[in-house]
Amino acid sequence: DTAVYYCNVRHSIVHARDYWGHGTQVTVS
């Protein structure tokens, strides 16, 4: 599961309204 995790949201009708966060690191030892 170790990865950078990104939040993403997209408008249900206007699909071009698509946004991303900058990410948060998850590290599992």
All heavy atoms as atom14 arrays in JSON, in Angstrom:
{
  "sequence": "DTAVYYCNVRHSIVHARDYWGHGTQVTVS",
  "atom14_mask": [
    [1, 1, 1, 1, 1, 1, 1, 1, 0, 0, 0, 0, 0, 0],
    [1, 1, 1, 1, 1, 1, 1, 0, 0, 0, 0, 0, 0, 0],
    [1, 1, 1, 1, 1, 0, 0, 0, 0, 0, 0, 0, 0, 0],
    [1, 1, 1, 1, 1, 1, 1, 0, 0, 0, 0, 0, 0, 0],
    [1, 1, 1, 1, 1, 1, 1, 1, 1, 1, 1, 1, 0, 0],
    [1, 1, 1, 1, 1, 1, 1, 1, 1, 1, 1, 1, 0, 0],
    [1, 1, 1, 1, 1, 1, 0, 0, 0, 0, 0, 0, 0, 0],
    [1, 1, 1, 1, 1, 1, 1, 1, 0, 0, 0, 0, 0, 0],
    [1, 1, 1, 1, 1, 1, 1, 0, 0, 0, 0, 0, 0, 0],
    [1, 1, 1, 1, 1, 1, 1, 1, 1, 1, 1, 0, 0, 0],
    [1, 1, 1, 1, 1, 1, 1, 1, 1, 1, 0, 0, 0, 0],
    [1, 1, 1, 1, 1, 1, 0, 0, 0, 0, 0, 0, 0, 0],
    [1, 1, 1, 1, 1, 1, 1, 1, 0, 0, 0, 0, 0, 0],
    [1, 1, 1, 1, 1, 1, 1, 0, 0, 0, 0, 0, 0, 0],
    [1, 1, 1, 1, 1, 1, 1, 1, 1, 1, 0, 0, 0, 0],
    [1, 1, 1, 1, 1, 0, 0, 0, 0, 0, 0, 0, 0, 0],
    [1, 1, 1, 1, 1, 1, 1, 1, 1, 1, 1, 0, 0, 0],
    [1, 1, 1, 1, 1, 1, 1, 1, 0, 0, 0, 0, 0, 0],
    [1, 1, 1, 1, 1, 1, 1, 1, 1, 1, 1, 1, 0, 0],
    [1, 1, 1, 1, 1, 1, 1, 1, 1, 1, 1, 1, 1, 1],
    [1, 1, 1, 1, 0, 0, 0, 0, 0, 0, 0, 0, 0, 0],
    [1, 1, 1, 1, 1, 1, 1, 1, 1, 1, 0, 0, 0, 0],
    [1, 1, 1, 1, 0, 0, 0, 0, 0, 0, 0, 0, 0, 0],
    [1, 1, 1, 1, 1, 1, 1, 0, 0, 0, 0, 0, 0, 0],
    [1, 1, 1, 1, 1, 1, 1, 1, 1, 0, 0, 0, 0, 0],
    [1, 1, 1, 1, 1, 1, 1, 0, 0, 0, 0, 0, 0, 0],
    [1, 1, 1, 1, 1, 1, 1, 0, 0, 0, 0, 0, 0, 0],
    [1, 1, 1, 1, 1, 1, 1, 0, 0, 0, 0, 0, 0, 0],
    [1, 1, 1, 1, 1, 1, 0, 0, 0, 0, 0, 0, 0, 0]
  ],
  "atom14_positions": [
    [[0.81, -1.21, 0.0], [0.0, 0.0, 0.0], [0.85, 1.27, 0.0], [0.31, 2.37, -0.12], [-0.93, 0.03, 1.22], [-1.96, -1.08, 1.2], [-2.53, -1.35, 0.13], [-2.2, -1.68, 2.27], [0.0, 0.0, 0.0], [0.0, 0.0, 0.0], [0.0, 0.0, 0.0], [0.0, 0.0, 0.0], [0.0, 0.0, 0.0], [0.0, 0.0, 0.0]],
    [[2.15, 1.13, 0.15], [3.04, 2.29, 0.17], [2.95, 3.05, -1.14], [3.15, 2.49, -2.21], [4.48, 1.86, 0.44], [4.58, 1.28, 1.74], [5.43, 3.04, 0.34], [0.0, 0.0, 0.0], [0.0, 0.0, 0.0], [0.0, 0.0, 0.0], [0.0, 0.0, 0.0], [0.0, 0.0, 0.0], [0.0, 0.0, 0.0], [0.0, 0.0, 0.0]],
    [[2.63, 4.33, -1.06], [2.46, 5.16, -2.25], [2.15, 6.58, -1.82], [1.9, 6.85, -0.64], [1.32, 4.63, -3.13], [0.0, 0.0, 0.0], [0.0, 0.0, 0.0], [0.0, 0.0, 0.0], [0.0, 0.0, 0.0], [0.0, 0.0, 0.0], [0.0, 0.0, 0.0], [0.0, 0.0, 0.0], [0.0, 0.0, 0.0], [0.0, 0.0, 0.0]],
    [[2.17, 7.49, -2.78], [1.6, 8.81, -2.58], [0.12, 8.72, -2.94], [-0.23, 8.25, -4.02], [2.3, 9.88, -3.44], [1.63, 11.23, -3.25], [3.77, 9.96, -3.08], [0.0, 0.0, 0.0], [0.0, 0.0, 0.0], [0.0, 0.0, 0.0], [0.0, 0.0, 0.0], [0.0, 0.0, 0.0], [0.0, 0.0, 0.0], [0.0, 0.0, 0.0]],
    [[-0.73, 9.17, -2.04], [-2.17, 9.11, -2.24], [-2.7, 10.49, -2.6], [-2.37, 11.48, -1.94], [-2.86, 8.6, -0.97], [-2.72, 7.11, -0.79], [-1.5, 6.55, -0.44], [-3.81, 6.25, -0.98], [-1.36, 5.19, -0.29], [-3.67, 4.89, -0.83], [-2.45, 4.36, -0.49], [-2.31, 3.0, -0.33], [0.0, 0.0, 0.0], [0.0, 0.0, 0.0]],
    [[-3.52, 10.54, -3.65], [-4.04, 11.79, -4.18], [-5.56, 11.82, -4.1], [-6.23, 10.87, -4.5], [-3.65, 11.98, -5.65], [-2.17, 12.05, -5.9], [-1.43, 10.91, -6.15], [-1.51, 13.28, -5.9], [-0.07, 10.97, -6.38], [-0.15, 13.36, -6.14], [0.56, 12.19, -6.38], [1.91, 12.26, -6.63], [0.0, 0.0, 0.0], [0.0, 0.0, 0.0]],
    [[-6.1, 12.9, -3.61], [-7.53, 13.14, -3.64], [-7.92, 13.67, -5.01], [-7.22, 14.52, -5.58], [-7.89, 14.14, -2.55], [-9.64, 14.57, -2.44], [0.0, 0.0, 0.0], [0.0, 0.0, 0.0], [0.0, 0.0, 0.0], [0.0, 0.0, 0.0], [0.0, 0.0, 0.0], [0.0, 0.0, 0.0], [0.0, 0.0, 0.0], [0.0, 0.0, 0.0]],
    [[-9.02, 13.18, -5.56], [-9.51, 13.62, -6.86], [-11.01, 13.8, -6.81], [-11.73, 12.96, -6.26], [-9.15, 12.6, -7.95], [-9.84, 12.86, -9.27], [-10.75, 12.14, -9.67], [-9.4, 13.9, -9.96], [0.0, 0.0, 0.0], [0.0, 0.0, 0.0], [0.0, 0.0, 0.0], [0.0, 0.0, 0.0], [0.0, 0.0, 0.0], [0.0, 0.0, 0.0]],
    [[-11.5, 14.9, -7.39], [-12.94, 15.13, -7.49], [-13.27, 15.56, -8.91], [-12.51, 16.29, -9.55], [-13.44, 16.18, -6.47], [-13.07, 15.76, -5.05], [-12.9, 17.57, -6.77], [0.0, 0.0, 0.0], [0.0, 0.0, 0.0], [0.0, 0.0, 0.0], [0.0, 0.0, 0.0], [0.0, 0.0, 0.0], [0.0, 0.0, 0.0], [0.0, 0.0, 0.0]],
    [[-14.41, 15.08, -9.42], [-14.85, 15.4, -10.78], [-16.35, 15.66, -10.76], [-17.12, 14.86, -10.22], [-14.51, 14.27, -11.75], [-14.86, 14.59, -13.2], [-14.38, 13.52, -14.17], [-15.1, 12.28, -14.0], [-14.58, 11.16, -13.51], [-13.31, 11.14, -13.11], [-15.32, 10.08, -13.4], [0.0, 0.0, 0.0], [0.0, 0.0, 0.0], [0.0, 0.0, 0.0]],
    [[-16.78, 16.76, -11.37], [-18.19, 17.09, -11.39], [-18.98, 16.01, -12.11], [-18.57, 15.52, -13.16], [-18.4, 18.45, -12.07], [-19.73, 19.07, -11.77], [-20.88, 18.72, -12.43], [-20.08, 20.01, -10.86], [-21.89, 19.42, -11.95], [-21.43, 20.21, -11.0], [0.0, 0.0, 0.0], [0.0, 0.0, 0.0], [0.0, 0.0, 0.0], [0.0, 0.0, 0.0]],
    [[-20.12, 15.65, -11.55], [-20.92, 14.55, -12.09], [-21.45, 14.84, -13.49], [-21.68, 13.91, -14.27], [-22.09, 14.24, -11.16], [-21.64, 13.79, -9.9], [0.0, 0.0, 0.0], [0.0, 0.0, 0.0], [0.0, 0.0, 0.0], [0.0, 0.0, 0.0], [0.0, 0.0, 0.0], [0.0, 0.0, 0.0], [0.0, 0.0, 0.0], [0.0, 0.0, 0.0]],
    [[-21.67, 16.1, -13.83], [-22.21, 16.48, -15.14], [-21.14, 17.16, -15.99], [-20.92, 16.77, -17.14], [-23.43, 17.4, -14.98], [-24.56, 16.65, -14.24], [-23.92, 17.89, -16.34], [-25.75, 17.51, -13.9], [0.0, 0.0, 0.0], [0.0, 0.0, 0.0], [0.0, 0.0, 0.0], [0.0, 0.0, 0.0], [0.0, 0.0, 0.0], [0.0, 0.0, 0.0]],
    [[-20.49, 18.18, -15.45], [-19.45, 18.9, -16.18], [-18.13, 18.21, -15.89], [-17.4, 18.6, -14.96], [-19.41, 20.38, -15.79], [-18.43, 21.14, -16.68], [-20.8, 21.0, -15.89], [0.0, 0.0, 0.0], [0.0, 0.0, 0.0], [0.0, 0.0, 0.0], [0.0, 0.0, 0.0], [0.0, 0.0, 0.0], [0.0, 0.0, 0.0], [0.0, 0.0, 0.0]],
    [[-17.8, 17.18, -16.67], [-16.65, 16.34, -16.38], [-15.32, 17.07, -16.5], [-14.33, 16.62, -15.92], [-16.66, 15.12, -17.3], [-17.81, 14.19, -17.05], [-18.1, 13.14, -17.89], [-18.73, 14.15, -16.06], [-19.16, 12.5, -17.43], [-19.56, 13.09, -16.32], [0.0, 0.0, 0.0], [0.0, 0.0, 0.0], [0.0, 0.0, 0.0], [0.0, 0.0, 0.0]],
    [[-15.29, 18.18, -17.23], [-14.06, 18.93, -17.35], [-13.66, 19.59, -16.03], [-12.5, 19.98, -15.87], [-14.19, 20.0, -18.44], [0.0, 0.0, 0.0], [0.0, 0.0, 0.0], [0.0, 0.0, 0.0], [0.0, 0.0, 0.0], [0.0, 0.0, 0.0], [0.0, 0.0, 0.0], [0.0, 0.0, 0.0], [0.0, 0.0, 0.0], [0.0, 0.0, 0.0]],
    [[-14.59, 19.7, -15.11], [-14.28, 20.24, -13.79], [-13.69, 19.12, -12.95], [-14.4, 18.43, -12.2], [-15.53, 20.84, -13.15], [-16.07, 22.04, -13.93], [-17.29, 22.65, -13.29], [-17.81, 23.76, -14.08], [-18.9, 24.46, -13.78], [-19.58, 24.16, -12.68], [-19.31, 25.43, -14.57], [0.0, 0.0, 0.0], [0.0, 0.0, 0.0], [0.0, 0.0, 0.0]],
    [[-12.39, 18.92, -13.12], [-11.66, 17.81, -12.54], [-10.47, 18.37, -11.76], [-9.64, 19.09, -12.33], [-11.19, 16.88, -13.67], [-10.57, 15.6, -13.17], [-11.08, 15.02, -12.2], [-9.56, 15.17, -13.77], [0.0, 0.0, 0.0], [0.0, 0.0, 0.0], [0.0, 0.0, 0.0], [0.0, 0.0, 0.0], [0.0, 0.0, 0.0], [0.0, 0.0, 0.0]],
    [[-10.37, 18.05, -10.47], [-9.38, 18.67, -9.61], [-8.6, 17.63, -8.83], [-9.12, 16.56, -8.48], [-10.05, 19.64, -8.63], [-10.86, 20.72, -9.3], [-12.21, 20.55, -9.54], [-10.25, 21.91, -9.7], [-12.96, 21.53, -10.16], [-10.99, 22.91, -10.32], [-12.34, 22.71, -10.55], [-13.08, 23.7, -11.17], [0.0, 0.0, 0.0], [0.0, 0.0, 0.0]],
    [[-7.35, 17.94, -8.56], [-6.44, 17.06, -7.84], [-5.76, 17.78, -6.69], [-5.44, 18.97, -6.78], [-5.33, 16.53, -8.77], [-5.81, 15.63, -9.86], [-6.33, 16.0, -11.06], [-5.8, 14.21, -9.85], [-6.65, 14.89, -11.81], [-6.33, 13.78, -11.09], [-5.38, 13.25, -8.92], [-6.45, 12.43, -11.42], [-5.5, 11.91, -9.24], [-6.03, 11.52, -10.48]],
    [[-5.53, 17.04, -5.61], [-4.68, 17.54, -4.56], [-3.22, 17.27, -4.87], [-2.88, 16.66, -5.89], [0.0, 0.0, 0.0], [0.0, 0.0, 0.0], [0.0, 0.0, 0.0], [0.0, 0.0, 0.0], [0.0, 0.0, 0.0], [0.0, 0.0, 0.0], [0.0, 0.0, 0.0], [0.0, 0.0, 0.0], [0.0, 0.0, 0.0], [0.0, 0.0, 0.0]],
    [[-2.33, 17.71, -3.99], [-0.9, 17.55, -4.21], [-0.34, 16.24, -3.66], [0.81, 15.91, -3.93], [-0.14, 18.72, -3.59], [-0.4, 20.03, -4.27], [-0.09, 20.25, -5.59], [-0.94, 21.19, -3.81], [-0.43, 21.48, -5.92], [-0.95, 22.07, -4.86], [0.0, 0.0, 0.0], [0.0, 0.0, 0.0], [0.0, 0.0, 0.0], [0.0, 0.0, 0.0]],
    [[-1.13, 15.49, -2.93], [-0.74, 14.17, -2.48], [-0.22, 14.14, -1.06], [0.29, 15.13, -0.54], [0.0, 0.0, 0.0], [0.0, 0.0, 0.0], [0.0, 0.0, 0.0], [0.0, 0.0, 0.0], [0.0, 0.0, 0.0], [0.0, 0.0, 0.0], [0.0, 0.0, 0.0], [0.0, 0.0, 0.0], [0.0, 0.0, 0.0], [0.0, 0.0, 0.0]],
    [[-0.34, 12.97, -0.44], [0.2, 12.73, 0.89], [0.85, 11.35, 0.9], [0.3, 10.39, 0.38], [-0.9, 12.85, 1.97], [-0.31, 12.7, 3.27], [-1.99, 11.81, 1.79], [0.0, 0.0, 0.0], [0.0, 0.0, 0.0], [0.0, 0.0, 0.0], [0.0, 0.0, 0.0], [0.0, 0.0, 0.0], [0.0, 0.0, 0.0], [0.0, 0.0, 0.0]],
    [[2.04, 11.27, 1.48], [2.82, 10.03, 1.45], [2.34, 9.06, 2.52], [2.19, 9.41, 3.69], [4.31, 10.34, 1.67], [5.2, 9.1, 1.75], [5.36, 8.41, 0.42], [5.65, 9.07, -0.59], [5.17, 7.1, 0.39], [0.0, 0.0, 0.0], [0.0, 0.0, 0.0], [0.0, 0.0, 0.0], [0.0, 0.0, 0.0], [0.0, 0.0, 0.0]],
    [[2.12, 7.81, 2.11], [1.82, 6.71, 3.02], [2.92, 5.67, 2.87], [3.16, 5.17, 1.77], [0.45, 6.08, 2.72], [0.24, 4.81, 3.55], [-0.66, 7.08, 2.99], [0.0, 0.0, 0.0], [0.0, 0.0, 0.0], [0.0, 0.0, 0.0], [0.0, 0.0, 0.0], [0.0, 0.0, 0.0], [0.0, 0.0, 0.0], [0.0, 0.0, 0.0]],
    [[3.59, 5.35, 3.97], [4.65, 4.36, 3.96], [4.34, 3.28, 5.0], [4.13, 3.6, 6.17], [6.01, 4.99, 4.27], [6.29, 6.03, 3.32], [7.12, 3.94, 4.2], [0.0, 0.0, 0.0], [0.0, 0.0, 0.0], [0.0, 0.0, 0.0], [0.0, 0.0, 0.0], [0.0, 0.0, 0.0], [0.0, 0.0, 0.0], [0.0, 0.0, 0.0]],
    [[4.31, 2.03, 4.55], [4.0, 0.9, 5.42], [5.23, 0.01, 5.49], [5.66, -0.54, 4.48], [2.79, 0.1, 4.92], [2.43, -0.99, 5.91], [1.6, 1.03, 4.68], [0.0, 0.0, 0.0], [0.0, 0.0, 0.0], [0.0, 0.0, 0.0], [0.0, 0.0, 0.0], [0.0, 0.0, 0.0], [0.0, 0.0, 0.0], [0.0, 0.0, 0.0]],
    [[5.8, -0.13, 6.67], [6.99, -0.94, 6.86], [6.61, -2.37, 7.21], [5.58, -2.63, 7.84], [7.88, -0.35, 7.95], [7.21, -0.31, 9.19], [0.0, 0.0, 0.0], [0.0, 0.0, 0.0], [0.0, 0.0, 0.0], [0.0, 0.0, 0.0], [0.0, 0.0, 0.0], [0.0, 0.0, 0.0], [0.0, 0.0, 0.0], [0.0, 0.0, 0.0]]
  ]
}
